[in-house]
PDB file of N, CA and C in Angstrom:
ATOM      1  N   MET A   1      30.454  10.999  -8.165  1.00  0.00           N
ATOM      2  CA  MET A   1      29.612  10.113  -7.142  1.00  0.00           C
ATOM      3  C   MET A   1      28.327   9.737  -9.072  1.00  0.00           C
ATOM      4  N   SER A   2      28.457   8.442  -9.163  1.00  0.00           N
ATOM      5  CA  SER A   2      26.941   7.997  -9.745  1.00  0.00           C
ATOM      6  C   SER A   2      26.114   7.125  -9.693  1.00  0.00           C
ATOM      7  N   ILE A   3      24.714   7.208  -9.804  1.00  0.00           N
ATOM      8  CA  ILE A   3      23.509   6.188  -9.593  1.00  0.00           C
ATOM      9  C   ILE A   3      23.664   5.559 -11.182  1.00  0.00           C
ATOM     10  N   GLU A   4      23.759   4.343 -10.789  1.00  0.00           N
ATOM     11  CA  GLU A   4      23.548   3.292 -11.946  1.00  0.00           C
ATOM     12  C   GLU A   4      22.081   2.836 -11.547  1.00  0.00           C
ATOM     13  N   TYR A   5      21.534   2.495 -12.709  1.00  0.00           N
ATOM     14  CA  TYR A   5      20.442   1.971 -12.893  1.00  0.00           C
ATOM     15  C   TYR A   5      20.063   0.387 -13.575  1.00  0.00           C
ATOM     16  N   PHE A   6      19.551  -0.383 -13.006  1.00  0.00           N
ATOM     17  CA  PHE A   6      19.712  -2.087 -13.500  1.00  0.00           C
ATOM     18  C   PHE A   6      17.796  -2.218 -13.613  1.00  0.00           C
ATOM     19  N   ALA A   7      17.771  -2.369 -14.732  1.00  0.00           N
ATOM     20  CA  ALA A   7      16.647  -2.779 -15.080  1.00  0.00           C
ATOM     21  C   ALA A   7      16.706  -4.299 -14.700  1.00  0.00           C
ATOM     22  N   THR A   8      14.942  -4.215 -13.971  1.00  0.00           N
ATOM     23  CA  THR A   8      14.167  -5.518 -13.696  1.00  0.00           C
ATOM     24  C   THR A   8      12.589  -5.939 -14.161  1.00  0.00           C
ATOM     25  N   THR A   9      12.428  -6.599 -13.756  1.00  0.00           N
ATOM     26  CA  THR A   9      11.216  -7.371 -14.670  1.00  0.00           C
ATOM     27  C   THR A   9      10.014  -6.100 -13.753  1.00  0.00           C
ATOM     28  N   ALA A  10      10.406  -5.497 -13.047  1.00  0.00           N
ATOM     29  CA  ALA A  10       9.143  -4.783 -11.973  1.00  0.00           C
ATOM     30  C   ALA A  10       9.285  -3.266 -12.798  1.00  0.00           C
ATOM     31  N   GLY A  11      10.804  -3.184 -12.967  1.00  0.00           N
ATOM     32  CA  GLY A  11      10.783  -1.485 -13.310  1.00  0.00           C
ATOM     33  C   GLY A  11      10.565  -1.516 -14.705  1.00  0.00           C
ATOM     34  N   ARG A  12      10.513  -2.231 -15.516  1.00  0.00           N
ATOM     35  CA  ARG A  12      10.012  -2.309 -17.025  1.00  0.00           C
ATOM     36  C   ARG A  12       8.509  -2.863 -16.863  1.00  0.00           C
ATOM     37  N   LEU A  13       7.773  -3.545 -15.938  1.00  0.00           N
ATOM     38  CA  LEU A  13       6.599  -3.166 -16.152  1.00  0.00           C
ATOM     39  C   LEU A  13       6.112  -2.125 -15.680  1.00  0.00           C
ATOM     40  N   ASP A  14       6.402  -1.311 -14.897  1.00  0.00           N
ATOM     41  CA  ASP A  14       5.888  -0.298 -14.234  1.00  0.00           C
ATOM     42  C   ASP A  14       6.384   0.540 -15.109  1.00  0.00           C
ATOM     43  N   HIS A  15       7.098   0.942 -16.246  1.00  0.00           N
ATOM     44  CA  HIS A  15       7.302   1.598 -17.196  1.00  0.00           C
ATOM     45  C   HIS A  15       6.478   1.415 -17.975  1.00  0.00           C
ATOM     46  N   TYR A  16       6.233   0.555 -18.706  1.00  0.00           N
ATOM     47  CA  TYR A  16       5.509   0.421 -20.070  1.00  0.00           C
ATOM     48  C   TYR A  16       3.979   0.394 -18.962  1.00  0.00           C
ATOM     49  N   PHE A  17       3.766   0.255 -18.241  1.00  0.00           N
ATOM     50  CA  PHE A  17       2.210   0.448 -17.271  1.00  0.00           C
ATOM     51  C   PHE A  17       2.099   1.940 -17.420  1.00  0.00           C
ATOM     52  N   ARG A  18       3.090   2.662 -17.146  1.00  0.00           N
ATOM     53  CA  ARG A  18       2.348   3.891 -17.119  1.00  0.00           C
ATOM     54  C   ARG A  18       2.668   4.496 -18.790  1.00  0.00           C
ATOM     55  N   THR A  19       3.361   3.938 -19.322  1.00  0.00           N
ATOM     56  CA  THR A  19       3.189   4.724 -20.732  1.00  0.00           C
ATOM     57  C   THR A  19       2.488   4.235 -21.248  1.00  0.00           C
ATOM     58  N   CYS A  20       1.676   3.645 -21.741  1.00  0.00           N
ATOM     59  CA  CYS A  20       0.857   3.110 -22.487  1.00  0.00           C
ATOM     60  C   CYS A  20      -0.375   2.417 -21.750  1.00  0.00           C
ATOM     61  N   ILE A  21      -0.737   1.668 -20.899  1.00  0.00           N
ATOM     62  CA  ILE A  21      -1.873   1.805 -20.089  1.00  0.00           C
ATOM     63  C   ILE A  21      -2.435   2.806 -19.684  1.00  0.00           C
ATOM     64  N   GLY A  22      -1.954   3.236 -18.781  1.00  0.00           N
ATOM     65  CA  GLY A  22      -1.690   4.616 -17.731  1.00  0.00           C
ATOM     66  C   GLY A  22      -2.059   5.813 -18.642  1.00  0.00           C
ATOM     67  N   ALA A  23      -1.307   6.263 -19.870  1.00  0.00           N
ATOM     68  CA  ALA A  23      -1.638   7.230 -20.760  1.00  0.00           C
ATOM     69  C   ALA A  23      -2.557   6.820 -21.576  1.00  0.00           C
ATOM     70  N   ALA A  24      -3.123   6.084 -21.591  1.00  0.00           N
ATOM     71  CA  ALA A  24      -4.420   5.485 -22.414  1.00  0.00           C
ATOM     72  C   ALA A  24      -5.628   5.677 -21.711  1.00  0.00           C
ATOM     73  N   HIS A  25      -5.574   5.132 -20.268  1.00  0.00           N
ATOM     74  CA  HIS A  25      -6.675   5.671 -19.714  1.00  0.00           C
ATOM     75  C   HIS A  25      -6.693   6.921 -19.328  1.00  0.00           C
ATOM     76  N   VAL A  26      -5.997   7.580 -18.933  1.00  0.00           N
ATOM     77  CA  VAL A  26      -5.758   9.033 -18.504  1.00  0.00           C
ATOM     78  C   VAL A  26      -6.490  10.219 -19.972  1.00  0.00           C
ATOM     79  N   LEU A  27      -5.993   9.696 -21.309  1.00  0.00           N
ATOM     80  CA  LEU A  27      -6.388  10.122 -22.387  1.00  0.00           C
ATOM     81  C   LEU A  27      -7.553  10.196 -22.660  1.00  0.00           C
ATOM     82  N   MET A  28      -8.337   8.918 -22.243  1.00  0.00           N
ATOM     83  CA  MET A  28      -9.895   8.701 -22.431  1.00  0.00           C
ATOM     84  C   MET A  28     -10.869   9.195 -21.429  1.00  0.00           C
ATOM     85  N   ASP A  29     -10.042   9.205 -20.370  1.00  0.00           N
ATOM     86  CA  ASP A  29     -10.674  10.278 -19.131  1.00  0.00           C
ATOM     87  C   ASP A  29     -10.712  11.249 -19.363  1.00  0.00           C
ATOM     88  N   PHE A  30      -9.720  12.156 -19.978  1.00  0.00           N
ATOM     89  CA  PHE A  30     -10.140  13.364 -20.490  1.00  0.00           C
ATOM     90  C   PHE A  30     -10.638  13.737 -21.977  1.00  0.00           C
ATOM     91  N   GLY A  31     -11.292  12.776 -22.237  1.00  0.00           N
ATOM     92  CA  GLY A  31     -12.303  12.831 -23.474  1.00  0.00           C
ATOM     93  C   GLY A  31     -11.450  13.391 -24.999  1.00  0.00           C
ATOM     94  N   GLN A  32      -9.795  12.983 -24.893  1.00  0.00           N
ATOM     95  CA  GLN A  32      -9.213  13.232 -26.110  1.00  0.00           C
ATOM     96  C   GLN A  32      -9.608  12.197 -27.496  1.00  0.00           C
ATOM     97  N   THR A  33      -9.820  12.538 -28.320  1.00  0.00           N
ATOM     98  CA  THR A  33     -10.111  12.189 -29.644  1.00  0.00           C
ATOM     99  C   THR A  33      -8.946  11.560 -30.762  1.00  0.00           C
ATOM    100  N   GLY A  34      -9.414  10.873 -31.572  1.00  0.00           N
ATOM    101  CA  GLY A  34      -8.215  10.734 -32.153  1.00  0.00           C
ATOM    102  C   GLY A  34      -7.255  10.447 -31.848  1.00  0.00           C
ATOM    103  N   ILE A  35      -6.698   8.960 -30.379  1.00  0.00           N
ATOM    104  CA  ILE A  35      -5.744   8.339 -30.229  1.00  0.00           C
ATOM    105  C   ILE A  35      -5.869   7.075 -30.904  1.00  0.00           C
ATOM    106  N   ASN A  36      -4.793   6.661 -31.130  1.00  0.00           N
ATOM    107  CA  ASN A  36      -4.370   5.484 -31.787  1.00  0.00           C
ATOM    108  C   ASN A  36      -4.057   4.524 -30.714  1.00  0.00           C
ATOM    109  N   TYR A  37      -5.044   4.040 -30.269  1.00  0.00           N
ATOM    110  CA  TYR A  37      -4.945   3.233 -29.154  1.00  0.00           C
ATOM    111  C   TYR A  37      -4.183   1.430 -29.186  1.00  0.00           C
ATOM    112  N   ASN A  38      -4.751   1.129 -30.918  1.00  0.00           N
ATOM    113  CA  ASN A  38      -3.690  -0.163 -31.053  1.00  0.00           C
ATOM    114  C   ASN A  38      -2.132   0.486 -30.985  1.00  0.00           C
ATOM    115  N   GLU A  39      -1.806   1.264 -31.620  1.00  0.00           N
ATOM    116  CA  GLU A  39      -0.692   1.821 -31.597  1.00  0.00           C
ATOM    117  C   GLU A  39      -0.132   1.847 -29.859  1.00  0.00           C
ATOM    118  N   MET A  40      -0.686   2.356 -29.056  1.00  0.00           N
ATOM    119  CA  MET A  40      -0.206   2.069 -27.563  1.00  0.00           C
ATOM    120  C   MET A  40      -0.316   0.669 -27.230  1.00  0.00           C
ATOM    121  N   GLN A  41      -1.379  -0.350 -27.591  1.00  0.00           N
ATOM    122  CA  GLN A  41      -1.308  -1.787 -27.090  1.00  0.00           C
ATOM    123  C   GLN A  41      -0.431  -2.582 -27.797  1.00  0.00           C
ATOM    124  N   GLU A  42       0.493  -1.554 -28.997  1.00  0.00           N
ATOM    125  CA  GLU A  42       1.091  -2.742 -29.759  1.00  0.00           C
ATOM    126  C   GLU A  42       2.743  -2.376 -28.870  1.00  0.00           C
ATOM    127  N   ARG A  43       2.673  -1.296 -28.611  1.00  0.00           N
ATOM    128  CA  ARG A  43       3.660  -0.477 -27.823  1.00  0.00           C
ATOM    129  C   ARG A  43       4.485  -1.346 -26.204  1.00  0.00           C
ATOM    130  N   PHE A  44       3.139  -1.400 -26.060  1.00  0.00           N
ATOM    131  CA  PHE A  44       2.867  -2.359 -24.466  1.00  0.00           C
ATOM    132  C   PHE A  44       3.212  -3.462 -25.163  1.00  0.00           C
ATOM    133  N   ILE A  45       2.563  -4.761 -26.000  1.00  0.00           N
ATOM    134  CA  ILE A  45       3.072  -5.640 -25.993  1.00  0.00           C
ATOM    135  C   ILE A  45       4.373  -5.833 -26.748  1.00  0.00           C
ATOM    136  N   SER A  46       4.951  -5.335 -27.358  1.00  0.00           N
ATOM    137  CA  SER A  46       6.523  -5.229 -28.090  1.00  0.00           C
ATOM    138  C   SER A  46       7.519  -4.944 -27.269  1.00  0.00           C
ATOM    139  N   GLY A  47       7.273  -4.025 -25.975  1.00  0.00           N
ATOM    140  CA  GLY A  47       8.001  -3.799 -25.018  1.00  0.00           C
ATOM    141  C   GLY A  47       7.711  -4.669 -24.022  1.00  0.00           C
ATOM    142  N   LEU A  48       6.851  -5.549 -23.370  1.00  0.00           N
ATOM    143  CA  LEU A  48       6.903  -6.666 -22.329  1.00  0.00           C
ATOM    144  C   LEU A  48       7.659  -7.827 -23.067  1.00  0.00           C
ATOM    145  N   GLU A  49       7.558  -8.165 -24.661  1.00  0.00           N
ATOM    146  CA  GLU A  49       7.849  -9.054 -25.145  1.00  0.00           C
ATOM    147  C   GLU A  49       9.487  -8.864 -25.292  1.00  0.00           C
ATOM    148  N   ARG A  50       9.928  -7.575 -25.610  1.00  0.00           N
ATOM    149  CA  ARG A  50      11.733  -7.395 -25.473  1.00  0.00           C
ATOM    150  C   ARG A  50      12.189  -7.820 -24.012  1.00  0.00           C
ATOM    151  N   VAL A  51      11.589  -7.452 -22.925  1.00  0.00           N
ATOM    152  CA  VAL A  51      11.794  -7.292 -21.870  1.00  0.00           C
ATOM    153  C   VAL A  51      11.838  -9.191 -21.334  1.00  0.00           C
ATOM    154  N   ILE A  52      10.610  -9.941 -21.809  1.00  0.00           N
ATOM    155  CA  ILE A  52      10.960 -11.330 -21.649  1.00  0.00           C
ATOM    156  C   ILE A  52      12.089 -11.960 -21.903  1.00  0.00           C
ATOM    157  N   ALA A  53      12.586 -11.579 -23.264  1.00  0.00           N
ATOM    158  CA  ALA A  53      13.222 -12.155 -23.910  1.00  0.00           C
ATOM    159  C   ALA A  53      15.155 -11.832 -23.433  1.00  0.00           C
ATOM    160  N   LYS A  54      14.859 -10.705 -22.887  1.00  0.00           N
ATOM    161  CA  LYS A  54      16.663 -10.174 -22.131  1.00  0.00           C
ATOM    162  C   LYS A  54      16.501 -10.622 -20.901  1.00  0.00           C
ATOM    163  N   ASN A  55      15.219 -11.403 -20.345  1.00  0.00           N
ATOM    164  CA  ASN A  55      15.376 -12.081 -19.115  1.00  0.00           C
ATOM    165  C   ASN A  55      16.215 -11.318 -17.685  1.00  0.00           C
ATOM    166  N   LEU A  56      15.503 -10.408 -17.776  1.00  0.00           N
ATOM    167  CA  LEU A  56      16.222  -9.609 -16.640  1.00  0.00           C
ATOM    168  C   LEU A  56      15.873 -10.833 -15.155  1.00  0.00           C
ATOM    169  N   PRO A  57      16.325  -9.237 -14.787  1.00  0.00           N
ATOM    170  CA  PRO A  57      16.558 -10.248 -13.010  1.00  0.00           C
ATOM    171  C   PRO A  57      15.142  -9.873 -12.766  1.00  0.00           C
ATOM    172  N   GLU A  58      14.416 -11.151 -11.693  1.00  0.00           N
ATOM    173  CA  GLU A  58      13.081 -10.907 -11.294  1.00  0.00           C
ATOM    174  C   GLU A  58      13.300 -10.003  -9.938  1.00  0.00           C
ATOM    175  N   TYR A  59      12.429  -9.337  -9.942  1.00  0.00           N
ATOM    176  CA  TYR A  59      12.692  -7.990  -8.876  1.00  0.00           C
ATOM    177  C   TYR A  59      11.262  -8.081  -8.099  1.00  0.00           C
ATOM    178  N   ASP A  60      10.826  -8.004  -6.791  1.00  0.00           N
ATOM    179  CA  ASP A  60       9.683  -7.155  -6.250  1.00  0.00           C
ATOM    180  C   ASP A  60       8.728  -8.230  -6.524  1.00  0.00           C
ATOM    181  N   GLY A  61       9.145  -9.571  -6.898  1.00  0.00           N
ATOM    182  CA  GLY A  61       7.427 -10.702  -6.883  1.00  0.00           C
ATOM    183  C   GLY A  61       7.070 -10.408  -8.031  1.00  0.00           C
ATOM    184  N   VAL A  62       7.804  -9.557  -9.153  1.00  0.00           N
ATOM    185  CA  VAL A  62       7.048  -9.810 -10.647  1.00  0.00           C
ATOM    186  C   VAL A  62       8.598 -10.396 -11.250  1.00  0.00           C
ATOM    187  N   THR A  63       7.693 -11.829 -11.695  1.00  0.00           N
ATOM    188  CA  THR A  63       8.392 -12.943 -12.955  1.00  0.00           C
ATOM    189  C   THR A  63       7.804 -12.654 -14.002  1.00  0.00           C
ATOM    190  N   ASN A  64       8.813 -13.043 -14.807  1.00  0.00           N
ATOM    191  CA  ASN A  64       8.597 -13.483 -16.326  1.00  0.00           C
ATOM    192  C   ASN A  64       7.046 -13.886 -16.780  1.00  0.00           C
ATOM    193  N   ASP A  65       6.736 -14.948 -15.941  1.00  0.00           N
ATOM    194  CA  ASP A  65       5.332 -15.532 -16.166  1.00  0.00           C
ATOM    195  C   ASP A  65       4.213 -14.436 -15.988  1.00  0.00           C
ATOM    196  N   HIS A  66       4.934 -13.501 -15.253  1.00  0.00           N
ATOM    197  CA  HIS A  66       3.511 -12.369 -14.562  1.00  0.00           C
ATOM    198  C   HIS A  66       3.617 -11.710 -16.054  1.00  0.00           C
ATOM    199  N   LEU A  67       4.661 -11.337 -16.842  1.00  0.00           N
ATOM    200  CA  LEU A  67       4.798 -10.197 -17.753  1.00  0.00           C
ATOM    201  C   LEU A  67       4.421 -10.592 -18.772  1.00  0.00           C
ATOM    202  N   ARG A  68       4.335 -12.225 -19.289  1.00  0.00           N
ATOM    203  CA  ARG A  68       3.624 -13.247 -20.279  1.00  0.00           C
ATOM    204  C   ARG A  68       2.577 -12.959 -20.299  1.00  0.00           C
ATOM    205  N   GLU A  69       1.920 -12.813 -18.763  1.00  0.00           N
ATOM    206  CA  GLU A  69       0.258 -12.908 -18.175  1.00  0.00           C
ATOM    207  C   GLU A  69      -0.289 -11.819 -18.553  1.00  0.00           C
ATOM    208  N   MET A  70       0.285 -10.758 -18.549  1.00  0.00           N
ATOM    209  CA  MET A  70       0.035  -9.430 -19.209  1.00  0.00           C
ATOM    210  C   MET A  70       0.329  -9.064 -20.669  1.00  0.00           C
ATOM    211  N   VAL A  71       0.649  -9.593 -21.003  1.00  0.00           N
ATOM    212  CA  VAL A  71       1.097  -9.561 -22.535  1.00  0.00           C
ATOM    213  C   VAL A  71      -0.061  -9.993 -23.537  1.00  0.00           C
ATOM    214  N   GLU A  72      -0.570 -11.668 -22.643  1.00  0.00           N
ATOM    215  CA  GLU A  72      -1.072 -12.056 -23.136  1.00  0.00           C
ATOM    216  C   GLU A  72      -2.700 -11.266 -22.711  1.00  0.00           C
ATOM    217  N   LEU A  73      -3.083 -10.921 -21.824  1.00  0.00           N
ATOM    218  CA  LEU A  73      -4.090 -10.099 -21.365  1.00  0.00           C
ATOM    219  C   LEU A  73      -4.176  -8.744 -22.734  1.00  0.00           C
ATOM    220  N   ALA A  74      -3.479  -8.200 -22.413  1.00  0.00           N
ATOM    221  CA  ALA A  74      -3.226  -7.037 -23.304  1.00  0.00           C
ATOM    222  C   ALA A  74      -3.784  -7.702 -24.818  1.00  0.00           C
ATOM    223  N   ARG A  75      -3.092  -8.686 -25.415  1.00  0.00           N
ATOM    224  CA  ARG A  75      -3.304  -8.677 -26.862  1.00  0.00           C
ATOM    225  C   ARG A  75      -5.245  -9.074 -26.774  1.00  0.00           C
ATOM    226  N   GLY A  76      -5.580  -9.503 -25.565  1.00  0.00           N
ATOM    227  CA  GLY A  76      -7.291  -9.769 -25.779  1.00  0.00           C
ATOM    228  C   GLY A  76      -8.190  -8.758 -25.403  1.00  0.00           C
ATOM    229  N   LYS A  77      -7.789  -7.911 -25.024  1.00  0.00           N
ATOM    230  CA  LYS A  77      -8.202  -6.441 -24.847  1.00  0.00           C
ATOM    231  C   LYS A  77      -8.727  -5.217 -25.972  1.00  0.00           C
ATOM    232  N   ASP A  78      -9.696  -4.847 -25.981  1.00  0.00           N
ATOM    233  CA  ASP A  78      -9.583  -3.666 -26.795  1.00  0.00           C
ATOM    234  C   ASP A  78      -9.453  -2.292 -25.991  1.00  0.00           C
ATOM    235  N   TRP A  79      -8.384  -1.642 -26.492  1.00  0.00           N
ATOM    236  CA  TRP A  79      -7.856  -0.467 -25.474  1.00  0.00           C
ATOM    237  C   TRP A  79      -8.648   0.360 -26.110  1.00  0.00           C
ATOM    238  N   SER A  80      -9.750   0.497 -26.917  1.00  0.00           N
ATOM    239  CA  SER A  80     -10.242   1.867 -27.150  1.00  0.00           C
ATOM    240  C   SER A  80     -11.364   1.786 -26.087  1.00  0.00           C
ATOM    241  N   ASP A  81     -11.826   0.887 -25.261  1.00  0.00           N
ATOM    242  CA  ASP A  81     -12.980   0.522 -24.349  1.00  0.00           C
ATOM    243  C   ASP A  81     -12.662   0.481 -22.857  1.00  0.00           C
ATOM    244  N   ARG A  82     -13.116   1.443 -22.341  1.00  0.00           N
ATOM    245  CA  ARG A  82     -12.499   1.886 -21.092  1.00  0.00           C
ATOM    246  C   ARG A  82     -12.594   0.777 -19.879  1.00  0.00           C
ATOM    247  N   GLU A  83     -13.529  -0.213 -20.042  1.00  0.00           N
ATOM    248  CA  GLU A  83     -13.365  -1.207 -19.148  1.00  0.00           C
ATOM    249  C   GLU A  83     -12.682  -1.802 -19.249  1.00  0.00           C
ATOM    250  N   GLN A  84     -12.318  -2.254 -20.578  1.00  0.00           N
ATOM    251  CA  GLN A  84     -11.270  -3.439 -20.721  1.00  0.00           C
ATOM    252  C   GLN A  84      -9.557  -3.021 -20.297  1.00  0.00           C
ATOM    253  N   LEU A  85      -9.325  -1.433 -20.460  1.00  0.00           N
ATOM    254  CA  LEU A  85      -8.119  -1.271 -19.724  1.00  0.00           C
ATOM    255  C   LEU A  85      -8.359  -0.818 -17.982  1.00  0.00           C
ATOM    256  N   LEU A  86      -9.377  -0.803 -17.736  1.00  0.00           N
ATOM    257  CA  LEU A  86      -9.495  -1.055 -16.321  1.00  0.00           C
ATOM    258  C   LEU A  86      -9.404  -2.559 -15.933  1.00  0.00           C
ATOM    259  N   GLN A  87      -9.852  -3.646 -16.638  1.00  0.00           N
ATOM    260  CA  GLN A  87      -9.464  -4.756 -16.050  1.00  0.00           C
ATOM    261  C   GLN A  87      -7.608  -5.002 -16.570  1.00  0.00           C
ATOM    262  N   LEU A  88      -7.264  -4.670 -17.669  1.00  0.00           N
ATOM    263  CA  LEU A  88      -5.437  -4.369 -16.994  1.00  0.00           C
ATOM    264  C   LEU A  88      -4.956  -3.536 -16.286  1.00  0.00           C
ATOM    265  N   ARG A  89      -5.893  -2.638 -15.799  1.00  0.00           N
ATOM    266  CA  ARG A  89      -4.669  -1.899 -14.492  1.00  0.00           C
ATOM    267  C   ARG A  89      -4.882  -2.846 -13.652  1.00  0.00           C
ATOM    268  N   ALA A  90      -6.423  -3.464 -13.239  1.00  0.00           N
ATOM    269  CA  ALA A  90      -6.597  -4.071 -11.704  1.00  0.00           C
ATOM    270  C   ALA A  90      -5.372  -5.154 -11.914  1.00  0.00           C
ATOM    271  N   ARG A  91      -5.232  -5.916 -13.027  1.00  0.00           N
ATOM    272  CA  ARG A  91      -4.404  -7.089 -12.994  1.00  0.00           C
ATOM    273  C   ARG A  91      -2.710  -6.443 -12.676  1.00  0.00           C
ATOM    274  N   TYR A  92      -2.549  -5.324 -13.007  1.00  0.00           N
ATOM    275  CA  TYR A  92      -1.251  -4.865 -13.108  1.00  0.00           C
ATOM    276  C   TYR A  92      -1.202  -4.608 -11.466  1.00  0.00           C
ATOM    277  N   ARG A  93      -1.950  -3.600 -10.568  1.00  0.00           N
ATOM    278  CA  ARG A  93      -2.053  -3.691  -9.562  1.00  0.00           C
ATOM    279  C   ARG A  93      -1.845  -4.927  -8.472  1.00  0.00           C
ATOM    280  N   GLU A  94      -2.995  -5.904  -9.220  1.00  0.00           N
ATOM    281  CA  GLU A  94      -2.764  -7.503  -8.236  1.00  0.00           C
ATOM    282  C   GLU A  94      -1.046  -7.355  -8.220  1.00  0.00           C
ATOM    283  N   ILE A  95      -0.543  -7.718  -9.402  1.00  0.00           N
ATOM    284  CA  ILE A  95       1.102  -8.030  -9.531  1.00  0.00           C
ATOM    285  C   ILE A  95       2.008  -7.453  -8.944  1.00  0.00           C
ATOM    286  N   ARG A  96       1.358  -5.929  -8.633  1.00  0.00           N
ATOM    287  CA  ARG A  96       2.666  -5.506  -8.192  1.00  0.00           C
ATOM    288  C   ARG A  96       2.433  -4.879  -6.806  1.00  0.00           C
ATOM    289  N   HIS A  97       1.017  -5.011  -6.158  1.00  0.00           N
ATOM    290  CA  HIS A  97       0.839  -4.327  -4.880  1.00  0.00           C
ATOM    291  C   HIS A  97       0.879  -5.366  -4.051  1.00  0.00           C
ATOM    292  N   ARG A  98       0.291  -6.561  -4.263  1.00  0.00           N
ATOM    293  CA  ARG A  98       0.719  -7.896  -3.826  1.00  0.00           C
ATOM    294  C   ARG A  98       1.702  -8.971  -3.896  1.00  0.00           C
ATOM    295  N   GLY A  99       2.513  -9.050  -4.771  1.00  0.00           N
ATOM    296  CA  GLY A  99       3.576  -9.815  -5.136  1.00  0.00           C
ATOM    297  C   GLY A  99       3.104 -10.947  -5.789  1.00  0.00           C
ATOM    298  N   GLU A 100       1.909 -10.852  -6.605  1.00  0.00           N
ATOM    299  CA  GLU A 100       1.305 -12.310  -7.159  1.00  0.00           C
ATOM    300  C   GLU A 100       1.600 -12.348  -7.966  1.00  0.00           C
TER     301      GLU A 100
END
């Protein structure tokens, strides 16, 4: 018996949030120095752009428009600034937990 994984908009948004925004936030909270936040930002943006291009099934209220919005928000933020990361996290939570 095997379990198959189907990529969806919600699943990919969760993945890139955890591995990029979430990771950046944790590293910042623990006072890590020498972190290349620009690289994390670019990984998040390019990852979501690939998801949008694949036109994956929309799931759990997360649409491609939400992904585009997150890309634009991510582009306009300074990821080395904790408050700006918190703004990205807040919008992610609104999308994921309210289906908005």
